[in-house]
Amino acid sequence: MKKIVVVLVALVFALTTTVEAKKLPAVAAKLPVQLKGVITENLSYPSGALNQYLEGDVWMKICVTDESKIKVIDLSSTNPELGVYVKKELSSLYVDNPGCKAGQVYYLKVKFDLTNKD
């Protein structure tokens, strides 16, 4: 009986740790300047989020495919609407001369903050 309880406690702890860790910002690999520039130029505060006064952080793992398209590998967001917006916008971007190797994974955090929206 003690073994079952210990296993269940360990399992609950492991699952809780995994879920909580997804909410934490990843340690960012430096984005190449060209890739960061493309993302910055094409990602703005969504008007719907501005109208609803939505704020939040979106953490993701991205890479550039062989076809020079940004691919969102994994995404976590404090606000689901902002997460959907970022994934949609980034997934439609093509990057000429991204300055990175195709398939290289980068960690990216996008912060939507109404006090610093400019």
PDB file of N, CA and C in Angstrom:
ATOM      1  N   MET A   1       0.830  -1.193   0.000  1.00  0.00           N
ATOM      2  CA  MET A   1       0.000   0.000   0.000  1.00  0.00           C
ATOM      3  C   MET A   1       0.872   1.253   0.000  1.00  0.00           C
ATOM      4  N   LYS A   2       1.959   1.226   0.804  1.00  0.00           N
ATOM      5  CA  LYS A   2       2.846   2.385   0.862  1.00  0.00           C
ATOM      6  C   LYS A   2       3.484   2.650  -0.488  1.00  0.00           C
ATOM      7  N   LYS A   3       3.827   1.577  -1.213  1.00  0.00           N
ATOM      8  CA  LYS A   3       4.447   1.733  -2.525  1.00  0.00           C
ATOM      9  C   LYS A   3       3.492   2.415  -3.497  1.00  0.00           C
ATOM     10  N   ILE A   4       2.242   2.060  -3.464  1.00  0.00           N
ATOM     11  CA  ILE A   4       1.240   2.664  -4.355  1.00  0.00           C
ATOM     12  C   ILE A   4       1.096   4.150  -4.048  1.00  0.00           C
ATOM     13  N   VAL A   5       1.037   4.504  -2.776  1.00  0.00           N
ATOM     14  CA  VAL A   5       0.915   5.901  -2.381  1.00  0.00           C
ATOM     15  C   VAL A   5       2.140   6.690  -2.832  1.00  0.00           C
ATOM     16  N   VAL A   6       3.321   6.138  -2.642  1.00  0.00           N
ATOM     17  CA  VAL A   6       4.557   6.809  -3.044  1.00  0.00           C
ATOM     18  C   VAL A   6       4.583   7.011  -4.553  1.00  0.00           C
ATOM     19  N   VAL A   7       4.184   6.001  -5.295  1.00  0.00           N
ATOM     20  CA  VAL A   7       4.165   6.104  -6.752  1.00  0.00           C
ATOM     21  C   VAL A   7       3.151   7.157  -7.192  1.00  0.00           C
ATOM     22  N   LEU A   8       1.986   7.166  -6.594  1.00  0.00           N
ATOM     23  CA  LEU A   8       0.963   8.157  -6.949  1.00  0.00           C
ATOM     24  C   LEU A   8       1.424   9.582  -6.618  1.00  0.00           C
ATOM     25  N   VAL A   9       2.035   9.757  -5.468  1.00  0.00           N
ATOM     26  CA  VAL A   9       2.548  11.083  -5.091  1.00  0.00           C
ATOM     27  C   VAL A   9       3.627  11.523  -6.074  1.00  0.00           C
ATOM     28  N   ALA A  10       4.524  10.623  -6.421  1.00  0.00           N
ATOM     29  CA  ALA A  10       5.592  10.948  -7.380  1.00  0.00           C
ATOM     30  C   ALA A  10       5.007  11.298  -8.735  1.00  0.00           C
ATOM     31  N   LEU A  11       3.998  10.570  -9.184  1.00  0.00           N
ATOM     32  CA  LEU A  11       3.361  10.834 -10.467  1.00  0.00           C
ATOM     33  C   LEU A  11       2.667  12.193 -10.472  1.00  0.00           C
ATOM     34  N   VAL A  12       1.931  12.500  -9.425  1.00  0.00           N
ATOM     35  CA  VAL A  12       1.262  13.801  -9.323  1.00  0.00           C
ATOM     36  C   VAL A  12       2.301  14.921  -9.315  1.00  0.00           C
ATOM     37  N   PHE A  13       3.376  14.750  -8.570  1.00  0.00           N
ATOM     38  CA  PHE A  13       4.431  15.764  -8.522  1.00  0.00           C
ATOM     39  C   PHE A  13       5.063  15.956  -9.894  1.00  0.00           C
ATOM     40  N   ALA A  14       5.334  14.885 -10.591  1.00  0.00           N
ATOM     41  CA  ALA A  14       5.956  14.971 -11.918  1.00  0.00           C
ATOM     42  C   ALA A  14       5.037  15.682 -12.896  1.00  0.00           C
ATOM     43  N   LEU A  15       3.763  15.353 -12.891  1.00  0.00           N
ATOM     44  CA  LEU A  15       2.810  16.014 -13.795  1.00  0.00           C
ATOM     45  C   LEU A  15       2.657  17.492 -13.456  1.00  0.00           C
ATOM     46  N   THR A  16       2.598  17.816 -12.178  1.00  0.00           N
ATOM     47  CA  THR A  16       2.483  19.209 -11.759  1.00  0.00           C
ATOM     48  C   THR A  16       3.707  19.998 -12.177  1.00  0.00           C
ATOM     49  N   THR A  17       4.869  19.438 -11.997  1.00  0.00           N
ATOM     50  CA  THR A  17       6.105  20.114 -12.373  1.00  0.00           C
ATOM     51  C   THR A  17       6.136  20.376 -13.868  1.00  0.00           C
ATOM     52  N   THR A  18       5.720  19.413 -14.678  1.00  0.00           N
ATOM     53  CA  THR A  18       5.727  19.578 -16.122  1.00  0.00           C
ATOM     54  C   THR A  18       4.779  20.694 -16.545  1.00  0.00           C
ATOM     55  N   VAL A  19       3.596  20.729 -16.000  1.00  0.00           N
ATOM     56  CA  VAL A  19       2.622  21.756 -16.356  1.00  0.00           C
ATOM     57  C   VAL A  19       3.123  23.137 -15.939  1.00  0.00           C
ATOM     58  N   GLU A  20       3.639  23.261 -14.749  1.00  0.00           N
ATOM     59  CA  GLU A  20       4.133  24.551 -14.279  1.00  0.00           C
ATOM     60  C   GLU A  20       5.331  25.028 -15.094  1.00  0.00           C
ATOM     61  N   ALA A  21       6.213  24.118 -15.468  1.00  0.00           N
ATOM     62  CA  ALA A  21       7.406  24.497 -16.203  1.00  0.00           C
ATOM     63  C   ALA A  21       7.049  25.094 -17.554  1.00  0.00           C
ATOM     64  N   LYS A  22       5.965  24.662 -18.157  1.00  0.00           N
ATOM     65  CA  LYS A  22       5.557  25.184 -19.463  1.00  0.00           C
ATOM     66  C   LYS A  22       5.184  26.664 -19.370  1.00  0.00           C
ATOM     67  N   LYS A  23       4.800  27.130 -18.217  1.00  0.00           N
ATOM     68  CA  LYS A  23       4.414  28.525 -18.053  1.00  0.00           C
ATOM     69  C   LYS A  23       5.621  29.445 -17.872  1.00  0.00           C
ATOM     70  N   LEU A  24       6.760  28.874 -17.591  1.00  0.00           N
ATOM     71  CA  LEU A  24       7.950  29.686 -17.344  1.00  0.00           C
ATOM     72  C   LEU A  24       8.608  30.078 -18.649  1.00  0.00           C
ATOM     73  N   PRO A  25       9.209  31.262 -18.713  1.00  0.00           N
ATOM     74  CA  PRO A  25       9.897  31.651 -19.939  1.00  0.00           C
ATOM     75  C   PRO A  25      11.109  30.764 -20.173  1.00  0.00           C
ATOM     76  N   ALA A  26      11.321  30.430 -21.417  1.00  0.00           N
ATOM     77  CA  ALA A  26      12.475  29.604 -21.766  1.00  0.00           C
ATOM     78  C   ALA A  26      13.726  30.469 -21.786  1.00  0.00           C
ATOM     79  N   VAL A  27      14.853  29.841 -21.589  1.00  0.00           N
ATOM     80  CA  VAL A  27      16.116  30.548 -21.728  1.00  0.00           C
ATOM     81  C   VAL A  27      16.317  30.767 -23.220  1.00  0.00           C
ATOM     82  N   ALA A  28      16.383  31.999 -23.622  1.00  0.00           N
ATOM     83  CA  ALA A  28      16.381  32.320 -25.042  1.00  0.00           C
ATOM     84  C   ALA A  28      17.734  32.091 -25.688  1.00  0.00           C
ATOM     85  N   ALA A  29      17.696  31.413 -26.831  1.00  0.00           N
ATOM     86  CA  ALA A  29      18.882  31.369 -27.677  1.00  0.00           C
ATOM     87  C   ALA A  29      18.848  32.686 -28.446  1.00  0.00           C
ATOM     88  N   LYS A  30      19.981  33.236 -28.708  1.00  0.00           N
ATOM     89  CA  LYS A  30      19.992  34.518 -29.405  1.00  0.00           C
ATOM     90  C   LYS A  30      19.428  34.361 -30.804  1.00  0.00           C
ATOM     91  N   LEU A  31      18.419  35.151 -31.086  1.00  0.00           N
ATOM     92  CA  LEU A  31      17.857  35.160 -32.430  1.00  0.00           C
ATOM     93  C   LEU A  31      18.807  35.893 -33.364  1.00  0.00           C
ATOM     94  N   PRO A  32      19.000  35.374 -34.568  1.00  0.00           N
ATOM     95  CA  PRO A  32      19.780  36.139 -35.534  1.00  0.00           C
ATOM     96  C   PRO A  32      19.110  37.491 -35.787  1.00  0.00           C
ATOM     97  N   VAL A  33      19.891  38.508 -36.032  1.00  0.00           N
ATOM     98  CA  VAL A  33      19.379  39.868 -36.210  1.00  0.00           C
ATOM     99  C   VAL A  33      18.327  39.924 -37.313  1.00  0.00           C
ATOM    100  N   GLN A  34      18.576  39.243 -38.427  1.00  0.00           N
ATOM    101  CA  GLN A  34      17.629  39.280 -39.541  1.00  0.00           C
ATOM    102  C   GLN A  34      16.288  38.652 -39.153  1.00  0.00           C
ATOM    103  N   LEU A  35      16.333  37.551 -38.431  1.00  0.00           N
ATOM    104  CA  LEU A  35      15.111  36.872 -38.015  1.00  0.00           C
ATOM    105  C   LEU A  35      14.335  37.719 -37.018  1.00  0.00           C
ATOM    106  N   LYS A  36      15.037  38.298 -36.066  1.00  0.00           N
ATOM    107  CA  LYS A  36      14.382  39.171 -35.088  1.00  0.00           C
ATOM    108  C   LYS A  36      13.741  40.370 -35.782  1.00  0.00           C
ATOM    109  N   GLY A  37      14.433  40.933 -36.778  1.00  0.00           N
ATOM    110  CA  GLY A  37      13.900  42.082 -37.519  1.00  0.00           C
ATOM    111  C   GLY A  37      12.607  41.753 -38.245  1.00  0.00           C
ATOM    112  N   VAL A  38      12.560  40.587 -38.894  1.00  0.00           N
ATOM    113  CA  VAL A  38      11.350  40.176 -39.614  1.00  0.00           C
ATOM    114  C   VAL A  38      10.188  40.013 -38.643  1.00  0.00           C
ATOM    115  N   ILE A  39      10.448  39.388 -37.514  1.00  0.00           N
ATOM    116  CA  ILE A  39       9.387  39.176 -36.524  1.00  0.00           C
ATOM    117  C   ILE A  39       8.910  40.509 -35.966  1.00  0.00           C
ATOM    118  N   THR A  40       9.830  41.386 -35.616  1.00  0.00           N
ATOM    119  CA  THR A  40       9.477  42.689 -35.053  1.00  0.00           C
ATOM    120  C   THR A  40       8.665  43.522 -36.040  1.00  0.00           C
ATOM    121  N   GLU A  41       9.053  43.504 -37.303  1.00  0.00           N
ATOM    122  CA  GLU A  41       8.349  44.292 -38.324  1.00  0.00           C
ATOM    123  C   GLU A  41       6.943  43.786 -38.594  1.00  0.00           C
ATOM    124  N   ASN A  42       6.719  42.496 -38.441  1.00  0.00           N
ATOM    125  CA  ASN A  42       5.443  41.900 -38.842  1.00  0.00           C
ATOM    126  C   ASN A  42       4.510  41.533 -37.702  1.00  0.00           C
ATOM    127  N   LEU A  43       4.925  41.767 -36.484  1.00  0.00           N
ATOM    128  CA  LEU A  43       4.094  41.404 -35.341  1.00  0.00           C
ATOM    129  C   LEU A  43       3.740  42.671 -34.576  1.00  0.00           C
ATOM    130  N   SER A  44       2.475  43.010 -34.572  1.00  0.00           N
ATOM    131  CA  SER A  44       2.037  44.210 -33.858  1.00  0.00           C
ATOM    132  C   SER A  44       0.980  43.819 -32.826  1.00  0.00           C
ATOM    133  N   TYR A  45       0.622  44.782 -32.006  1.00  0.00           N
ATOM    134  CA  TYR A  45      -0.413  44.539 -30.998  1.00  0.00           C
ATOM    135  C   TYR A  45      -1.735  44.381 -31.743  1.00  0.00           C
ATOM    136  N   PRO A  46      -2.416  43.246 -31.606  1.00  0.00           N
ATOM    137  CA  PRO A  46      -3.672  43.051 -32.338  1.00  0.00           C
ATOM    138  C   PRO A  46      -4.739  44.044 -31.885  1.00  0.00           C
ATOM    139  N   SER A  47      -5.458  44.603 -32.853  1.00  0.00           N
ATOM    140  CA  SER A  47      -6.456  45.624 -32.523  1.00  0.00           C
ATOM    141  C   SER A  47      -7.539  45.087 -31.593  1.00  0.00           C
ATOM    142  N   GLY A  48      -7.936  43.830 -31.779  1.00  0.00           N
ATOM    143  CA  GLY A  48      -8.942  43.244 -30.891  1.00  0.00           C
ATOM    144  C   GLY A  48      -8.462  43.185 -29.454  1.00  0.00           C
ATOM    145  N   ALA A  49      -7.197  42.890 -29.273  1.00  0.00           N
ATOM    146  CA  ALA A  49      -6.618  42.834 -27.928  1.00  0.00           C
ATOM    147  C   ALA A  49      -6.531  44.232 -27.327  1.00  0.00           C
ATOM    148  N   LEU A  50      -6.212  45.213 -28.155  1.00  0.00           N
ATOM    149  CA  LEU A  50      -6.183  46.604 -27.672  1.00  0.00           C
ATOM    150  C   LEU A  50      -7.564  47.036 -27.207  1.00  0.00           C
ATOM    151  N   ASN A  51      -8.581  46.733 -28.006  1.00  0.00           N
ATOM    152  CA  ASN A  51      -9.955  47.127 -27.669  1.00  0.00           C
ATOM    153  C   ASN A  51     -10.452  46.451 -26.397  1.00  0.00           C
ATOM    154  N   GLN A  52      -9.960  45.248 -26.126  1.00  0.00           N
ATOM    155  CA  GLN A  52     -10.384  44.508 -24.933  1.00  0.00           C
ATOM    156  C   GLN A  52      -9.406  44.671 -23.774  1.00  0.00           C
ATOM    157  N   TYR A  53      -8.370  45.493 -23.968  1.00  0.00           N
ATOM    158  CA  TYR A  53      -7.334  45.730 -22.944  1.00  0.00           C
ATOM    159  C   TYR A  53      -6.660  44.430 -22.503  1.00  0.00           C
ATOM    160  N   LEU A  54      -6.369  43.563 -23.464  1.00  0.00           N
ATOM    161  CA  LEU A  54      -5.720  42.292 -23.155  1.00  0.00           C
ATOM    162  C   LEU A  54      -4.208  42.459 -23.104  1.00  0.00           C
ATOM    163  N   GLU A  55      -3.590  41.851 -22.122  1.00  0.00           N
ATOM    164  CA  GLU A  55      -2.143  41.828 -21.994  1.00  0.00           C
ATOM    165  C   GLU A  55      -1.719  40.389 -21.746  1.00  0.00           C
ATOM    166  N   GLY A  56      -0.459  40.116 -21.949  1.00  0.00           N
ATOM    167  CA  GLY A  56       0.034  38.781 -21.659  1.00  0.00           C
ATOM    168  C   GLY A  56       1.368  38.509 -22.310  1.00  0.00           C
ATOM    169  N   ASP A  57       1.901  37.336 -22.012  1.00  0.00           N
ATOM    170  CA  ASP A  57       3.173  36.882 -22.566  1.00  0.00           C
ATOM    171  C   ASP A  57       2.932  35.617 -23.378  1.00  0.00           C
ATOM    172  N   VAL A  58       3.681  35.499 -24.465  1.00  0.00           N
ATOM    173  CA  VAL A  58       3.619  34.309 -25.305  1.00  0.00           C
ATOM    174  C   VAL A  58       5.043  33.783 -25.437  1.00  0.00           C
ATOM    175  N   TRP A  59       5.256  32.534 -25.006  1.00  0.00           N
ATOM    176  CA  TRP A  59       6.565  31.896 -25.123  1.00  0.00           C
ATOM    177  C   TRP A  59       6.450  30.831 -26.202  1.00  0.00           C
ATOM    178  N   MET A  60       7.473  30.719 -27.028  1.00  0.00           N
ATOM    179  CA  MET A  60       7.408  29.709 -28.073  1.00  0.00           C
ATOM    180  C   MET A  60       8.780  29.221 -28.492  1.00  0.00           C
ATOM    181  N   LYS A  61       8.764  28.062 -29.117  1.00  0.00           N
ATOM    182  CA  LYS A  61       9.937  27.525 -29.793  1.00  0.00           C
ATOM    183  C   LYS A  61       9.641  27.658 -31.277  1.00  0.00           C
ATOM    184  N   ILE A  62      10.565  28.267 -32.003  1.00  0.00           N
ATOM    185  CA  ILE A  62      10.381  28.441 -33.436  1.00  0.00           C
ATOM    186  C   ILE A  62      11.624  27.954 -34.179  1.00  0.00           C
ATOM    187  N   CYS A  63      11.442  27.721 -35.468  1.00  0.00           N
ATOM    188  CA  CYS A  63      12.574  27.445 -36.344  1.00  0.00           C
ATOM    189  C   CYS A  63      12.215  27.964 -37.725  1.00  0.00           C
ATOM    190  N   VAL A  64      13.206  28.028 -38.583  1.00  0.00           N
ATOM    191  CA  VAL A  64      12.984  28.401 -39.971  1.00  0.00           C
ATOM    192  C   VAL A  64      13.130  27.125 -40.789  1.00  0.00           C
ATOM    193  N   THR A  65      12.133  26.850 -41.620  1.00  0.00           N
ATOM    194  CA  THR A  65      12.145  25.625 -42.422  1.00  0.00           C
ATOM    195  C   THR A  65      13.086  25.777 -43.621  1.00  0.00           C
ATOM    196  N   ASP A  66      13.285  24.697 -44.336  1.00  0.00           N
ATOM    197  CA  ASP A  66      14.104  24.730 -45.556  1.00  0.00           C
ATOM    198  C   ASP A  66      13.511  25.678 -46.601  1.00  0.00           C
ATOM    199  N   GLU A  67      12.205  25.918 -46.517  1.00  0.00           N
ATOM    200  CA  GLU A  67      11.519  26.814 -47.457  1.00  0.00           C
ATOM    201  C   GLU A  67      11.519  28.261 -46.965  1.00  0.00           C
ATOM    202  N   SER A  68      12.304  28.560 -45.953  1.00  0.00           N
ATOM    203  CA  SER A  68      12.431  29.899 -45.352  1.00  0.00           C
ATOM    204  C   SER A  68      11.129  30.407 -44.736  1.00  0.00           C
ATOM    205  N   LYS A  69      10.357  29.508 -44.200  1.00  0.00           N
ATOM    206  CA  LYS A  69       9.112  29.860 -43.527  1.00  0.00           C
ATOM    207  C   LYS A  69       9.295  29.642 -42.025  1.00  0.00           C
ATOM    208  N   ILE A  70       8.748  30.532 -41.218  1.00  0.00           N
ATOM    209  CA  ILE A  70       8.832  30.367 -39.760  1.00  0.00           C
ATOM    210  C   ILE A  70       7.830  29.296 -39.342  1.00  0.00           C
ATOM    211  N   LYS A  71       8.309  28.372 -38.512  1.00  0.00           N
ATOM    212  CA  LYS A  71       7.451  27.309 -37.999  1.00  0.00           C
ATOM    213  C   LYS A  71       7.424  27.411 -36.483  1.00  0.00           C
ATOM    214  N   VAL A  72       6.228  27.483 -35.918  1.00  0.00           N
ATOM    215  CA  VAL A  72       6.064  27.491 -34.466  1.00  0.00           C
ATOM    216  C   VAL A  72       5.987  26.034 -34.018  1.00  0.00           C
ATOM    217  N   ILE A  73       6.980  25.613 -33.251  1.00  0.00           N
ATOM    218  CA  ILE A  73       7.070  24.225 -32.802  1.00  0.00           C
ATOM    219  C   ILE A  73       6.245  24.000 -31.541  1.00  0.00           C
ATOM    220  N   ASP A  74       6.317  24.938 -30.620  1.00  0.00           N
ATOM    221  CA  ASP A  74       5.591  24.822 -29.358  1.00  0.00           C
ATOM    222  C   ASP A  74       5.257  26.223 -28.887  1.00  0.00           C
ATOM    223  N   LEU A  75       4.140  26.360 -28.191  1.00  0.00           N
ATOM    224  CA  LEU A  75       3.704  27.684 -27.760  1.00  0.00           C
ATOM    225  C   LEU A  75       2.974  27.575 -26.432  1.00  0.00           C
ATOM    226  N   SER A  76       3.224  28.546 -25.564  1.00  0.00           N
ATOM    227  CA  SER A  76       2.528  28.651 -24.296  1.00  0.00           C
ATOM    228  C   SER A  76       2.218  30.123 -24.077  1.00  0.00           C
ATOM    229  N   SER A  77       1.022  30.418 -23.583  1.00  0.00           N
ATOM    230  CA  SER A  77       0.617  31.811 -23.461  1.00  0.00           C
ATOM    231  C   SER A  77      -0.192  32.044 -22.195  1.00  0.00           C
ATOM    232  N   THR A  78      -0.010  33.216 -21.605  1.00  0.00           N
ATOM    233  CA  THR A  78      -0.827  33.587 -20.447  1.00  0.00           C
ATOM    234  C   THR A  78      -2.215  34.010 -20.887  1.00  0.00           C
ATOM    235  N   ASN A  79      -2.374  34.301 -22.181  1.00  0.00           N
ATOM    236  CA  ASN A  79      -3.669  34.674 -22.736  1.00  0.00           C
ATOM    237  C   ASN A  79      -3.862  33.888 -24.034  1.00  0.00           C
ATOM    238  N   PRO A  80      -4.811  32.967 -24.084  1.00  0.00           N
ATOM    239  CA  PRO A  80      -4.987  32.114 -25.264  1.00  0.00           C
ATOM    240  C   PRO A  80      -5.199  32.899 -26.564  1.00  0.00           C
ATOM    241  N   GLU A  81      -5.932  33.989 -26.506  1.00  0.00           N
ATOM    242  CA  GLU A  81      -6.204  34.782 -27.710  1.00  0.00           C
ATOM    243  C   GLU A  81      -4.907  35.350 -28.297  1.00  0.00           C
ATOM    244  N   LEU A  82      -4.031  35.831 -27.444  1.00  0.00           N
ATOM    245  CA  LEU A  82      -2.748  36.351 -27.911  1.00  0.00           C
ATOM    246  C   LEU A  82      -1.877  35.232 -28.472  1.00  0.00           C
ATOM    247  N   GLY A  83      -1.934  34.058 -27.861  1.00  0.00           N
ATOM    248  CA  GLY A  83      -1.181  32.913 -28.370  1.00  0.00           C
ATOM    249  C   GLY A  83      -1.626  32.514 -29.769  1.00  0.00           C
ATOM    250  N   VAL A  84      -2.927  32.465 -29.985  1.00  0.00           N
ATOM    251  CA  VAL A  84      -3.467  32.130 -31.314  1.00  0.00           C
ATOM    252  C   VAL A  84      -3.029  33.172 -32.338  1.00  0.00           C
ATOM    253  N   TYR A  85      -3.093  34.437 -31.956  1.00  0.00           N
ATOM    254  CA  TYR A  85      -2.693  35.521 -32.861  1.00  0.00           C
ATOM    255  C   TYR A  85      -1.220  35.392 -33.263  1.00  0.00           C
ATOM    256  N   VAL A  86      -0.347  35.198 -32.289  1.00  0.00           N
ATOM    257  CA  VAL A  86       1.088  35.112 -32.580  1.00  0.00           C
ATOM    258  C   VAL A  86       1.375  33.911 -33.481  1.00  0.00           C
ATOM    259  N   LYS A  87       0.800  32.768 -33.176  1.00  0.00           N
ATOM    260  CA  LYS A  87       1.041  31.576 -33.993  1.00  0.00           C
ATOM    261  C   LYS A  87       0.590  31.799 -35.431  1.00  0.00           C
ATOM    262  N   LYS A  88      -0.572  32.394 -35.610  1.00  0.00           N
ATOM    263  CA  LYS A  88      -1.104  32.654 -36.954  1.00  0.00           C
ATOM    264  C   LYS A  88      -0.187  33.610 -37.716  1.00  0.00           C
ATOM    265  N   GLU A  89       0.209  34.688 -37.063  1.00  0.00           N
ATOM    266  CA  GLU A  89       1.038  35.694 -37.735  1.00  0.00           C
ATOM    267  C   GLU A  89       2.416  35.143 -38.096  1.00  0.00           C
ATOM    268  N   LEU A  90       3.060  34.455 -37.172  1.00  0.00           N
ATOM    269  CA  LEU A  90       4.403  33.950 -37.437  1.00  0.00           C
ATOM    270  C   LEU A  90       4.394  32.816 -38.458  1.00  0.00           C
ATOM    271  N   SER A  91       3.371  31.981 -38.428  1.00  0.00           N
ATOM    272  CA  SER A  91       3.307  30.846 -39.352  1.00  0.00           C
ATOM    273  C   SER A  91       3.120  31.282 -40.797  1.00  0.00           C
ATOM    274  N   SER A  92       2.722  32.522 -41.024  1.00  0.00           N
ATOM    275  CA  SER A  92       2.525  33.002 -42.390  1.00  0.00           C
ATOM    276  C   SER A  92       3.722  33.807 -42.905  1.00  0.00           C
ATOM    277  N   LEU A  93       4.782  33.910 -42.107  1.00  0.00           N
ATOM    278  CA  LEU A  93       5.943  34.713 -42.505  1.00  0.00           C
ATOM    279  C   LEU A  93       6.999  33.894 -43.236  1.00  0.00           C
ATOM    280  N   TYR A  94       7.538  34.494 -44.277  1.00  0.00           N
ATOM    281  CA  TYR A  94       8.701  33.947 -44.973  1.00  0.00           C
ATOM    282  C   TYR A  94       9.881  34.851 -44.664  1.00  0.00           C
ATOM    283  N   VAL A  95      11.038  34.260 -44.528  1.00  0.00           N
ATOM    284  CA  VAL A  95      12.230  35.001 -44.135  1.00  0.00           C
ATOM    285  C   VAL A  95      13.297  34.844 -45.211  1.00  0.00           C
ATOM    286  N   ASP A  96      13.663  35.943 -45.867  1.00  0.00           N
ATOM    287  CA  ASP A  96      14.775  35.913 -46.814  1.00  0.00           C
ATOM    288  C   ASP A  96      16.056  36.100 -46.037  1.00  0.00           C
ATOM    289  N   ASN A  97      17.031  35.211 -46.260  1.00  0.00           N
ATOM    290  CA  ASN A  97      18.328  35.302 -45.595  1.00  0.00           C
ATOM    291  C   ASN A  97      18.164  35.481 -44.081  1.00  0.00           C
ATOM    292  N   PRO A  98      17.608  34.466 -43.407  1.00  0.00           N
ATOM    293  CA  PRO A  98      17.330  34.615 -41.974  1.00  0.00           C
ATOM    294  C   PRO A  98      18.566  34.663 -41.088  1.00  0.00           C
ATOM    295  N   GLY A  99      19.728  34.317 -41.623  1.00  0.00           N
ATOM    296  CA  GLY A  99      20.939  34.321 -40.803  1.00  0.00           C
ATOM    297  C   GLY A  99      21.023  33.154 -39.848  1.00  0.00           C
ATOM    298  N   CYS A 100      20.271  32.104 -40.136  1.00  0.00           N
ATOM    299  CA  CYS A 100      20.318  30.923 -39.283  1.00  0.00           C
ATOM    300  C   CYS A 100      20.200  29.670 -40.132  1.00  0.00           C
ATOM    301  N   LYS A 101      20.588  28.567 -39.541  1.00  0.00           N
ATOM    302  CA  LYS A 101      20.512  27.275 -40.206  1.00  0.00           C
ATOM    303  C   LYS A 101      19.073  26.767 -40.154  1.00  0.00           C
ATOM    304  N   ALA A 102      18.578  26.241 -41.263  1.00  0.00           N
ATOM    305  CA  ALA A 102      17.225  25.680 -41.294  1.00  0.00           C
ATOM    306  C   ALA A 102      17.105  24.582 -40.244  1.00  0.00           C
ATOM    307  N   GLY A 103      16.035  24.619 -39.490  1.00  0.00           N
ATOM    308  CA  GLY A 103      15.791  23.621 -38.459  1.00  0.00           C
ATOM    309  C   GLY A 103      16.335  23.978 -37.086  1.00  0.00           C
ATOM    310  N   GLN A 104      17.199  24.992 -37.010  1.00  0.00           N
ATOM    311  CA  GLN A 104      17.729  25.432 -35.713  1.00  0.00           C
ATOM    312  C   GLN A 104      16.577  25.968 -34.865  1.00  0.00           C
ATOM    313  N   VAL A 105      16.447  25.487 -33.646  1.00  0.00           N
ATOM    314  CA  VAL A 105      15.347  25.900 -32.777  1.00  0.00           C
ATOM    315  C   VAL A 105      15.765  27.120 -31.955  1.00  0.00           C
ATOM    316  N   TYR A 106      14.875  28.093 -31.904  1.00  0.00           N
ATOM    317  CA  TYR A 106      15.086  29.303 -31.112  1.00  0.00           C
ATOM    318  C   TYR A 106      13.913  29.477 -30.161  1.00  0.00           C
ATOM    319  N   TYR A 107      14.206  30.032 -28.996  1.00  0.00           N
ATOM    320  CA  TYR A 107      13.172  30.333 -28.015  1.00  0.00           C
ATOM    321  C   TYR A 107      12.874  31.815 -28.103  1.00  0.00           C
ATOM    322  N   LEU A 108      11.596  32.142 -28.063  1.00  0.00           N
ATOM    323  CA  LEU A 108      11.180  33.520 -28.258  1.00  0.00           C
ATOM    324  C   LEU A 108      10.061  33.855 -27.280  1.00  0.00           C
ATOM    325  N   LYS A 109      10.156  35.022 -26.711  1.00  0.00           N
ATOM    326  CA  LYS A 109       9.093  35.515 -25.836  1.00  0.00           C
ATOM    327  C   LYS A 109       8.572  36.814 -26.431  1.00  0.00           C
ATOM    328  N   VAL A 110       7.264  36.892 -26.570  1.00  0.00           N
ATOM    329  CA  VAL A 110       6.622  38.117 -27.022  1.00  0.00           C
ATOM    330  C   VAL A 110       5.771  38.629 -25.875  1.00  0.00           C
ATOM    331  N   LYS A 111       5.984  39.869 -25.500  1.00  0.00           N
ATOM    332  CA  LYS A 111       5.261  40.469 -24.375  1.00  0.00           C
ATOM    333  C   LYS A 111       4.272  41.487 -24.925  1.00  0.00           C
ATOM    334  N   PHE A 112       3.013  41.321 -24.579  1.00  0.00           N
ATOM    335  CA  PHE A 112       1.971  42.287 -24.944  1.00  0.00           C
ATOM    336  C   PHE A 112       1.630  43.082 -23.688  1.00  0.00           C
ATOM    337  N   ASP A 113       2.064  44.315 -23.665  1.00  0.00           N
ATOM    338  CA  ASP A 113       1.937  45.180 -22.483  1.00  0.00           C
ATOM    339  C   ASP A 113       1.375  46.512 -22.952  1.00  0.00           C
ATOM    340  N   LEU A 114       0.213  46.879 -22.487  1.00  0.00           N
ATOM    341  CA  LEU A 114      -0.438  48.107 -22.937  1.00  0.00           C
ATOM    342  C   LEU A 114       0.327  49.366 -22.537  1.00  0.00           C
ATOM    343  N   THR A 115       1.148  49.277 -21.501  1.00  0.00           N
ATOM    344  CA  THR A 115       1.912  50.462 -21.105  1.00  0.00           C
ATOM    345  C   THR A 115       3.101  50.703 -22.033  1.00  0.00           C
ATOM    346  N   ASN A 116       3.498  49.668 -22.802  1.00  0.00           N
ATOM    347  CA  ASN A 116       4.643  49.802 -23.720  1.00  0.00           C
ATOM    348  C   ASN A 116       4.268  49.352 -25.126  1.00  0.00           C
ATOM    349  N   LYS A 117       3.089  49.677 -25.621  1.00  0.00           N
ATOM    350  CA  LYS A 117       2.639  49.175 -26.920  1.00  0.00           C
ATOM    351  C   LYS A 117       3.252  49.904 -28.096  1.00  0.00           C
ATOM    352  N   ASP A 118       3.918  51.015 -27.897  1.00  0.00           N
ATOM    353  CA  ASP A 118       4.482  51.766 -29.031  1.00  0.00           C
ATOM    354  C   ASP A 118       5.802  51.231 -29.480  1.00  0.00           C
TER     355      ASP A 118
END
